[in-house]
């Protein structure tokens, strides 16, 4: 429940100045009030002259560190930080983890959980895994997240963090989640980017209007309806304007992933995260075609053909994206025990040095296996309709 921000900050102050402080992070911004620094991290450190409060701040370009003696100087430094309009405080002590989030209306949502410590574990190895989004975040309560879903969210956010630059660009960061479904990853991306000091403006797209209504109501409940909105429509045609910087397409089935990738390329999105799901299109083409020698046995059995179709489909997608100037990593973003669909295409526009080599590799693959990937068809259509520049570059 929301409470007085003054009272909540007083609680945070007592934790920051307590001898049990382990670590604290302030980040994000309140509506219409950016702080002087984008992030502040505090911890207690033992120096030759005694215990000090170490404060590391970042202005988005470089960090600055100062070690403040405990006592009046530490109190003044903490009060100075608490006066800044940070949107979030995350504080870990020996006994508790406390999360403070400032709502759009300026109220405080304070969540407290016991510290998860293993008895007898030496200091320095006694903290639970550090999640990028606190397990007690109100988002997880709102979506009824299980422990497995929280792990998936954390794995996704780590992939997102590895994709985006640090620091994030100034100005609005426009994000679209194509095929967002119940939108728990949409909201997680927003919350994470907001907490990093970005200005995310997020659009979730799903074909079902009942999902749009549900997700819109949830955005209002979470206090981010001005920054996170939802539209009903297909991945290929839903209205999204202006074009996004970051495109998400997580577990879009079969050629829906191709539609998402084609829109990302047409938008010239700077970053793309796509987790494919199902690969029926190429599997059907392999079944109907004649495999090149000596690879007939590779696709002779149905189960082998299906698995090979998965590999070939995503290989062709990654290679084709490289011909359009995207650097592409193909990674596992979560252990297969949590979901068998754990492959992630992580793409960044720019920095591809030899597109011709990728074009040759792509042409040889589709020629040898006699397949026409759906992504190629969609990009060819976009180019013919002048919605996409011709492929160029070295």
Protein backbone atom coordinates (compact mmCIF):
# COMPACT_ATOMS: atom_id res chain seq x y z
CA UNK A 1 0.00 0.00 0.00
CA UNK A 2 1.23 3.55 -0.77
CA UNK A 3 2.40 5.54 2.23
CA UNK A 4 3.91 8.93 3.03
CA UNK A 5 7.13 9.48 1.12
CA UNK A 6 8.56 11.43 4.06
CA UNK A 7 8.01 8.50 6.42
CA UNK A 8 9.40 6.00 3.91
CA UNK A 9 12.55 8.04 3.34
CA UNK A 10 13.02 8.29 7.12
CA UNK A 11 12.98 4.48 7.24
CA UNK A 12 15.55 4.34 4.43
CA UNK A 13 17.72 6.90 6.24
CA UNK A 14 17.88 4.79 9.38
CA UNK A 15 18.94 1.77 7.31
CA UNK A 16 21.63 3.70 5.42
CA UNK A 17 23.16 4.88 8.68
CA UNK A 18 22.89 1.55 10.49
CA UNK A 19 26.00 -0.56 11.23
CA UNK A 20 24.34 -3.49 9.47
CA UNK A 21 24.25 -1.80 6.05
CA UNK A 22 25.51 -4.12 3.33
CA UNK A 23 24.67 -2.27 0.15
CA UNK A 24 22.22 0.36 -1.07
CA UNK A 25 21.41 1.62 -4.57
CA UNK A 26 19.44 4.70 -5.59
CA UNK A 27 18.39 4.99 -9.23
CA UNK A 28 15.61 6.08 -11.53
CA UNK A 29 13.80 9.38 -11.42
CA UNK A 30 10.53 10.74 -10.21
CA UNK A 31 8.07 12.10 -12.68
CA UNK A 32 9.31 15.42 -14.03
CA UNK A 33 12.22 15.64 -11.59
CA UNK A 34 15.54 14.10 -12.65
CA UNK A 35 18.19 13.78 -9.91
CA UNK A 36 21.60 15.41 -10.24
CA UNK A 37 23.23 11.99 -10.61
CA UNK A 38 21.74 8.97 -12.38
CA UNK A 39 22.77 6.41 -9.75
CA UNK A 40 24.25 6.22 -6.26
CA UNK A 41 25.59 3.14 -4.49
CA UNK A 42 26.48 3.03 -0.79
CA UNK A 43 28.25 0.47 1.37
CA UNK A 44 30.36 0.32 4.51
CA UNK A 45 34.10 -0.16 4.01
CA UNK A 46 36.90 -0.74 6.50
CA UNK A 47 39.84 1.64 5.98
CA UNK A 48 42.99 2.17 7.98
CA UNK A 49 41.39 5.09 9.78
CA UNK A 50 38.20 3.17 10.64
CA UNK A 51 34.88 2.29 9.04
CA UNK A 52 33.66 4.72 6.39
CA UNK A 53 30.53 5.05 4.28
CA UNK A 54 31.59 4.61 0.66
CA UNK A 55 29.42 6.49 -1.82
CA UNK A 56 29.79 5.87 -5.56
CA UNK A 57 27.77 8.18 -7.82
CA UNK A 58 27.47 8.29 -11.60
CA UNK A 59 26.43 11.17 -13.81
CA UNK A 60 25.91 8.82 -16.75
CA UNK A 61 29.47 9.24 -18.01
CA UNK A 62 31.84 8.19 -15.25
CA UNK A 63 31.61 7.12 -11.60
CA UNK A 64 32.88 9.18 -8.67
CA UNK A 65 33.81 7.58 -5.35
CA UNK A 66 34.15 9.17 -1.92
CA UNK A 67 34.67 7.61 1.50
CA UNK A 68 32.92 9.53 4.28
CA UNK A 69 33.72 9.01 7.99
CA UNK A 70 30.80 7.80 10.06
CA UNK A 71 29.06 10.38 12.17
CA UNK A 72 27.84 13.83 11.22
CA UNK A 73 29.54 13.87 7.81
CA UNK A 74 27.94 10.56 6.85
CA UNK A 75 24.54 11.80 8.02
CA UNK A 76 24.89 14.96 5.90
CA UNK A 77 25.92 12.91 2.86
CA UNK A 78 22.94 10.56 3.28
CA UNK A 79 20.53 13.46 3.74
CA UNK A 80 21.89 15.05 0.57
CA UNK A 81 21.19 11.86 -1.42
CA UNK A 82 17.74 11.37 0.10
CA UNK A 83 16.84 14.91 -0.98
CA UNK A 84 17.49 13.94 -4.62
CA UNK A 85 14.35 12.89 -6.57
CA UNK A 86 15.38 9.27 -7.11
CA UNK A 87 12.53 7.01 -8.14
CA UNK A 88 13.83 3.91 -6.38
CA UNK A 89 15.92 2.87 -3.39
CA UNK A 90 17.10 -0.70 -2.84
CA UNK A 91 18.73 -1.29 0.56
CA UNK A 92 20.30 -4.50 1.86
CA UNK A 93 21.26 -4.91 5.51
CA UNK A 94 22.34 -7.85 7.61
CA UNK A 95 18.70 -8.44 8.55
CA UNK A 96 16.49 -7.25 5.70
CA UNK A 97 16.14 -6.19 2.08
CA UNK A 98 14.03 -3.09 1.59
CA UNK A 99 12.73 -1.71 -1.71
CA UNK A 100 11.27 1.79 -1.98
CA UNK A 101 9.53 2.91 -5.17
CA UNK A 102 8.06 6.38 -5.64
CA UNK A 103 4.76 6.28 -7.50
CA UNK A 104 3.66 8.64 -10.23
CA UNK A 105 1.62 10.57 -7.66
CA UNK A 106 4.61 10.99 -5.34
CA UNK A 107 3.60 8.40 -2.78
CA UNK A 108 5.89 5.62 -1.59
CA UNK A 109 5.58 1.87 -1.98
CA UNK A 110 7.83 0.20 0.59
CA UNK A 111 8.52 -3.54 0.51
CA UNK A 112 10.53 -5.30 3.17
CA UNK A 113 11.78 -8.90 3.14
CA UNK A 114 14.05 -10.81 5.54
CA UNK A 115 17.68 -11.16 4.46
CA UNK A 116 18.31 -14.59 2.94
CA UNK A 117 21.49 -15.68 4.70
CA UNK A 118 23.03 -19.10 5.11
CA UNK A 119 23.93 -19.67 8.75
CA UNK A 120 27.66 -19.83 9.28
CA UNK A 121 28.54 -18.59 5.80
CA UNK A 122 31.58 -16.30 5.87
CA UNK A 123 31.05 -12.59 5.27
CA UNK A 124 31.41 -11.69 1.63
CA UNK A 125 29.68 -14.93 0.55
CA UNK A 126 26.47 -14.56 2.52
CA UNK A 127 24.13 -12.72 0.20
CA UNK A 128 21.53 -14.41 -1.93
CA UNK A 129 21.76 -14.03 -5.68
CA UNK A 130 21.44 -10.38 -6.67
CA UNK A 131 18.42 -10.09 -8.97
CA UNK A 132 18.24 -7.21 -11.43
CA UNK A 133 14.63 -6.76 -10.35
CA UNK A 134 14.04 -7.39 -6.66
CA UNK A 135 11.99 -10.56 -6.00
CA UNK A 136 9.66 -8.50 -3.80
CA UNK A 137 9.00 -5.92 -6.53
CA UNK A 138 5.26 -5.11 -6.73
CA UNK A 139 5.30 -6.22 -10.37
CA UNK A 140 5.67 -9.84 -9.31
CA UNK A 141 2.77 -9.53 -6.90
CA UNK A 142 0.59 -7.97 -9.59
CA UNK A 143 1.24 -10.74 -12.13
CA UNK A 144 1.24 -13.56 -9.56
CA UNK A 145 4.76 -14.61 -10.51
CA UNK A 146 6.13 -17.96 -9.41
CA UNK A 147 9.80 -18.47 -8.52
CA UNK A 148 10.33 -19.94 -12.00
CA UNK A 149 8.84 -16.86 -13.64
CA UNK A 150 11.05 -14.60 -11.54
CA UNK A 151 14.09 -16.56 -12.74
CA UNK A 152 12.99 -16.12 -16.34
CA UNK A 153 12.53 -12.40 -15.80
CA UNK A 154 16.01 -12.10 -14.28
CA UNK A 155 17.58 -14.10 -17.13
CA UNK A 156 15.82 -11.91 -19.70
CA UNK A 157 16.92 -8.70 -17.96
CA UNK A 158 20.53 -9.90 -17.88
CA UNK A 159 20.36 -10.50 -21.63
CA UNK A 160 18.88 -7.02 -22.05
CA UNK A 161 21.63 -5.50 -19.90
CA UNK A 162 24.28 -7.24 -22.02
CA UNK A 163 22.73 -5.83 -25.19
CA UNK A 164 22.34 -2.16 -24.32
CA UNK A 165 25.22 0.28 -23.86
CA UNK A 166 26.28 1.61 -20.48
CA UNK A 167 25.46 4.38 -19.87
CA UNK A 168 22.18 4.40 -21.73
CA UNK A 169 21.59 7.14 -24.33
CA UNK A 170 20.04 10.40 -23.23
CA UNK A 171 16.46 11.13 -24.20
CA UNK A 172 13.49 8.78 -24.47
CA UNK A 173 14.25 5.09 -25.06
CA UNK A 174 11.44 3.73 -27.23
CA UNK A 175 10.67 0.05 -26.78
CA UNK A 176 8.16 -2.23 -28.49
CA UNK A 177 7.31 -5.76 -27.33
CA UNK A 178 5.80 -7.63 -30.28
CA UNK A 179 3.50 -10.45 -29.23
CA UNK A 180 3.63 -9.36 -25.59
CA UNK A 181 0.92 -11.73 -24.27
CA UNK A 182 0.37 -11.10 -20.56
CA UNK A 183 3.20 -8.54 -20.68
CA UNK A 184 5.16 -9.53 -17.60
CA UNK A 185 8.40 -9.16 -19.57
CA UNK A 186 7.13 -5.88 -21.02
CA UNK A 187 6.68 -4.47 -17.53
CA UNK A 188 9.96 -5.99 -16.33
CA UNK A 189 11.85 -4.28 -19.17
CA UNK A 190 10.19 -0.98 -18.34
CA UNK A 191 10.95 -1.25 -14.63
CA UNK A 192 14.57 -2.25 -15.19
CA UNK A 193 15.24 0.54 -17.70
CA UNK A 194 13.48 3.08 -15.49
CA UNK A 195 15.55 2.01 -12.50
CA UNK A 196 18.73 2.48 -14.55
CA UNK A 197 17.82 6.11 -15.10
CA UNK A 198 16.51 5.75 -18.65
CA UNK A 199 13.30 7.31 -19.94
CA UNK A 200 11.57 4.23 -21.38
CA UNK A 201 8.42 4.66 -23.48
CA UNK A 202 7.07 1.17 -24.05
CA UNK A 203 4.43 -0.23 -26.42
CA UNK A 204 3.15 -3.77 -26.04
CA UNK A 205 1.53 -5.39 -29.07
CA UNK A 206 -0.75 -8.41 -28.94
CA UNK A 207 -3.40 -9.64 -31.33
CA UNK A 208 -5.97 -10.12 -28.54
CA UNK A 209 -7.94 -7.08 -27.45
CA UNK A 210 -8.74 -8.66 -24.07
CA UNK A 211 -4.99 -8.80 -23.40
CA UNK A 212 -4.73 -5.14 -24.33
CA UNK A 213 -7.45 -4.24 -21.83
CA UNK A 214 -5.95 -6.40 -19.09
CA UNK A 215 -2.44 -5.06 -19.60
CA UNK A 216 -3.63 -1.46 -19.77
CA UNK A 217 -5.39 -1.88 -16.43
CA UNK A 218 -2.24 -3.43 -14.96
CA UNK A 219 -0.15 -0.46 -16.17
CA UNK A 220 -2.52 1.84 -14.32
CA UNK A 221 -2.29 -0.32 -11.19
CA UNK A 222 1.51 -0.21 -11.32
CA UNK A 223 1.55 3.56 -11.84
CA UNK A 224 3.20 3.58 -15.28
CA UNK A 225 0.27 4.07 -17.67
CA UNK A 226 1.86 7.23 -19.08
CA UNK A 227 4.98 5.33 -20.10
CA UNK A 228 3.63 1.85 -20.93
CA UNK A 229 0.73 1.45 -23.33
CA UNK A 230 -0.76 -1.44 -25.27
CA UNK A 231 -2.29 -1.85 -28.72
CA UNK A 232 -4.21 -4.73 -30.24
CA UNK A 233 -3.00 -5.89 -33.63
CA UNK A 234 -0.77 -8.28 -35.50
CA UNK A 235 3.00 -8.22 -35.22
CA UNK A 236 3.23 -7.30 -38.91
CA UNK A 237 0.68 -4.49 -38.97
CA UNK A 238 -0.01 -3.10 -35.49
CA UNK A 239 0.46 0.70 -35.46
CA UNK A 240 3.68 1.70 -33.71
CA UNK A 241 4.77 5.31 -34.11
CA UNK A 242 7.40 6.65 -33.83
CA UNK A 243 9.70 3.72 -34.66
CA UNK A 244 11.29 2.03 -31.64
CA UNK A 245 14.93 1.91 -30.62
CA UNK A 246 14.57 -1.53 -29.02
CA UNK A 247 12.44 -4.41 -30.30
CA UNK A 248 11.50 -7.39 -28.14
CA UNK A 249 9.90 -10.55 -29.55
CA UNK A 250 9.93 -13.32 -26.99
CA UNK A 251 8.50 -16.71 -27.88
CA UNK A 252 6.61 -15.52 -30.95
CA UNK A 253 5.60 -18.76 -32.61
CA UNK A 254 7.08 -19.96 -35.93
CA UNK A 255 7.05 -17.22 -38.60
CA UNK A 256 5.74 -14.62 -36.13
CA UNK A 257 9.39 -14.30 -35.09
CA UNK A 258 10.24 -13.54 -38.73
CA UNK A 259 7.53 -10.88 -38.84
CA UNK A 260 9.01 -9.28 -35.73
CA UNK A 261 12.55 -9.34 -37.10
CA UNK A 262 11.38 -7.90 -40.43
CA UNK A 263 9.65 -5.00 -38.68
CA UNK A 264 12.74 -4.38 -36.56
CA UNK A 265 14.91 -4.16 -39.68
CA UNK A 266 12.37 -1.93 -41.45
CA UNK A 267 12.32 0.35 -38.41
CA UNK A 268 16.13 0.24 -38.35
CA UNK A 269 15.87 -0.51 -34.65
CA UNK A 270 19.16 -0.17 -32.82
CA UNK A 271 18.71 -3.31 -30.70
CA UNK A 272 16.67 -6.50 -31.06
CA UNK A 273 16.05 -9.36 -28.63
CA UNK A 274 14.13 -12.29 -30.12
CA UNK A 275 13.52 -15.68 -28.51
CA UNK A 276 12.09 -17.91 -31.27
CA UNK A 277 9.41 -20.50 -30.58
CA UNK A 278 8.59 -23.36 -32.97
CA UNK A 279 10.12 -23.65 -36.43
CA UNK A 280 7.47 -25.36 -38.55
CA UNK A 281 8.05 -23.40 -41.78
CA UNK A 282 11.56 -24.64 -42.55
CA UNK A 283 10.73 -28.11 -41.19
CA UNK A 284 7.95 -28.44 -43.77
CA UNK A 285 10.27 -27.28 -46.56
CA UNK A 286 12.88 -29.84 -45.52
CA UNK A 287 10.34 -32.63 -45.54
CA UNK A 288 9.22 -31.73 -49.06
CA UNK A 289 12.68 -31.07 -50.49
CA UNK A 290 15.72 -33.09 -51.40
CA UNK A 291 18.60 -32.73 -48.91
CA UNK A 292 22.10 -32.18 -50.30
CA UNK A 293 24.50 -35.11 -50.24
CA UNK A 294 25.67 -36.51 -47.91
CA UNK A 295 23.20 -35.03 -45.42
CA UNK A 296 20.14 -37.16 -46.21
CA UNK A 297 20.36 -39.12 -42.94
CA UNK A 298 20.38 -35.82 -41.03
CA UNK A 299 16.73 -35.23 -41.92
CA UNK A 300 15.52 -38.78 -42.55
CA UNK A 301 13.87 -39.23 -39.13
CA UNK A 302 11.12 -36.86 -38.07
CA UNK A 303 12.63 -35.92 -34.71
CA UNK A 304 16.04 -35.26 -36.26
CA UNK A 305 14.48 -33.19 -39.03
CA UNK A 306 12.56 -31.08 -36.49
CA UNK A 307 15.66 -30.41 -34.41
CA UNK A 308 17.79 -29.63 -37.44
CA UNK A 309 15.05 -27.28 -38.70
CA UNK A 310 15.37 -25.34 -35.43
CA UNK A 311 19.12 -24.93 -35.93
CA UNK A 312 18.90 -24.12 -39.64
CA UNK A 313 16.07 -21.59 -39.18
CA UNK A 314 17.89 -19.56 -36.55
CA UNK A 315 21.20 -19.82 -38.41
CA UNK A 316 19.54 -18.35 -41.49
CA UNK A 317 17.85 -15.63 -39.43
CA UNK A 318 21.12 -14.59 -37.77
CA UNK A 319 23.04 -14.65 -41.05
CA UNK A 320 20.39 -12.64 -42.87
CA UNK A 321 20.33 -10.02 -40.13
CA UNK A 322 24.10 -9.68 -40.50
CA UNK A 323 23.65 -8.90 -44.20
CA UNK A 324 21.47 -5.98 -43.08
CA UNK A 325 24.20 -4.63 -40.83
CA UNK A 326 23.32 -6.20 -37.48
CA UNK A 327 25.85 -7.83 -35.19
CA UNK A 328 24.10 -10.96 -33.93
CA UNK A 329 24.83 -13.24 -30.99
CA UNK A 330 22.94 -16.50 -30.58
CA UNK A 331 22.87 -17.42 -26.88
CA UNK A 332 20.96 -19.41 -24.30
CA UNK A 333 19.29 -16.90 -22.02
CA UNK A 334 18.07 -19.38 -19.40
CA UNK A 335 18.78 -22.99 -18.50
CA UNK A 336 16.78 -25.51 -20.55
CA UNK A 337 15.26 -26.96 -17.38
CA UNK A 338 13.13 -23.80 -17.11
CA UNK A 339 12.03 -23.71 -20.76
CA UNK A 340 13.14 -25.72 -23.81
CA UNK A 341 12.71 -22.59 -25.93
CA UNK A 342 15.72 -20.89 -24.41
CA UNK A 343 17.54 -19.60 -27.50
CA UNK A 344 17.94 -15.86 -27.89
CA UNK A 345 18.92 -13.83 -30.96
CA UNK A 346 20.60 -10.69 -29.64
CA UNK A 347 21.20 -8.10 -32.36
CA UNK A 348 22.78 -4.65 -32.43
CA UNK A 349 22.71 -2.44 -35.52
CA UNK A 350 26.10 -1.38 -36.88
CA UNK A 351 29.65 -2.65 -36.74
CA UNK A 352 29.38 -5.45 -39.33
CA UNK A 353 32.62 -5.34 -41.29
CA UNK A 354 32.10 -7.87 -44.12
CA UNK A 355 28.51 -8.10 -45.26
CA UNK A 356 29.53 -9.68 -48.55
CA UNK A 357 30.87 -12.75 -46.76
CA UNK A 358 27.59 -13.09 -44.87
CA UNK A 359 25.63 -12.73 -48.10
CA UNK A 360 27.64 -15.50 -49.71
CA UNK A 361 27.21 -17.77 -46.69
CA UNK A 362 23.48 -17.12 -46.63
CA UNK A 363 23.07 -17.75 -50.37
CA UNK A 364 24.98 -21.02 -50.14
CA UNK A 365 22.83 -22.28 -47.26
CA UNK A 366 19.48 -21.55 -48.88
CA UNK A 367 20.70 -22.96 -52.20
CA UNK A 368 22.07 -26.19 -50.72
CA UNK A 369 18.97 -26.89 -48.66
CA UNK A 370 16.46 -25.55 -51.22
CA UNK A 371 14.59 -23.44 -48.68
CA UNK A 372 13.10 -19.95 -48.73
CA UNK A 373 13.08 -18.48 -45.20
CA UNK A 374 10.04 -16.43 -44.33
CA UNK A 375 12.26 -13.60 -43.10
CA UNK A 376 13.81 -13.29 -46.56
CA UNK A 377 10.38 -13.10 -48.18
CA UNK A 378 9.21 -10.40 -45.77
CA UNK A 379 12.34 -8.29 -46.21
CA UNK A 380 12.17 -8.63 -50.01
CA UNK A 381 8.56 -7.39 -49.91
CA UNK A 382 9.48 -4.47 -47.68
CA UNK A 383 12.28 -3.48 -50.04
CA UNK A 384 10.03 -3.74 -53.07
CA UNK A 385 7.50 -1.49 -51.34
CA UNK A 386 10.27 1.03 -50.61
CA UNK A 387 9.82 0.51 -46.87
CA UNK A 388 13.38 -0.72 -46.55
CA UNK A 389 16.63 0.55 -48.10
CA UNK A 390 18.50 -1.76 -50.41
CA UNK A 391 21.16 -3.86 -48.75
CA UNK A 392 24.47 -2.07 -49.07
CA UNK A 393 27.86 -1.97 -47.44
CA UNK A 394 31.04 -3.94 -47.66
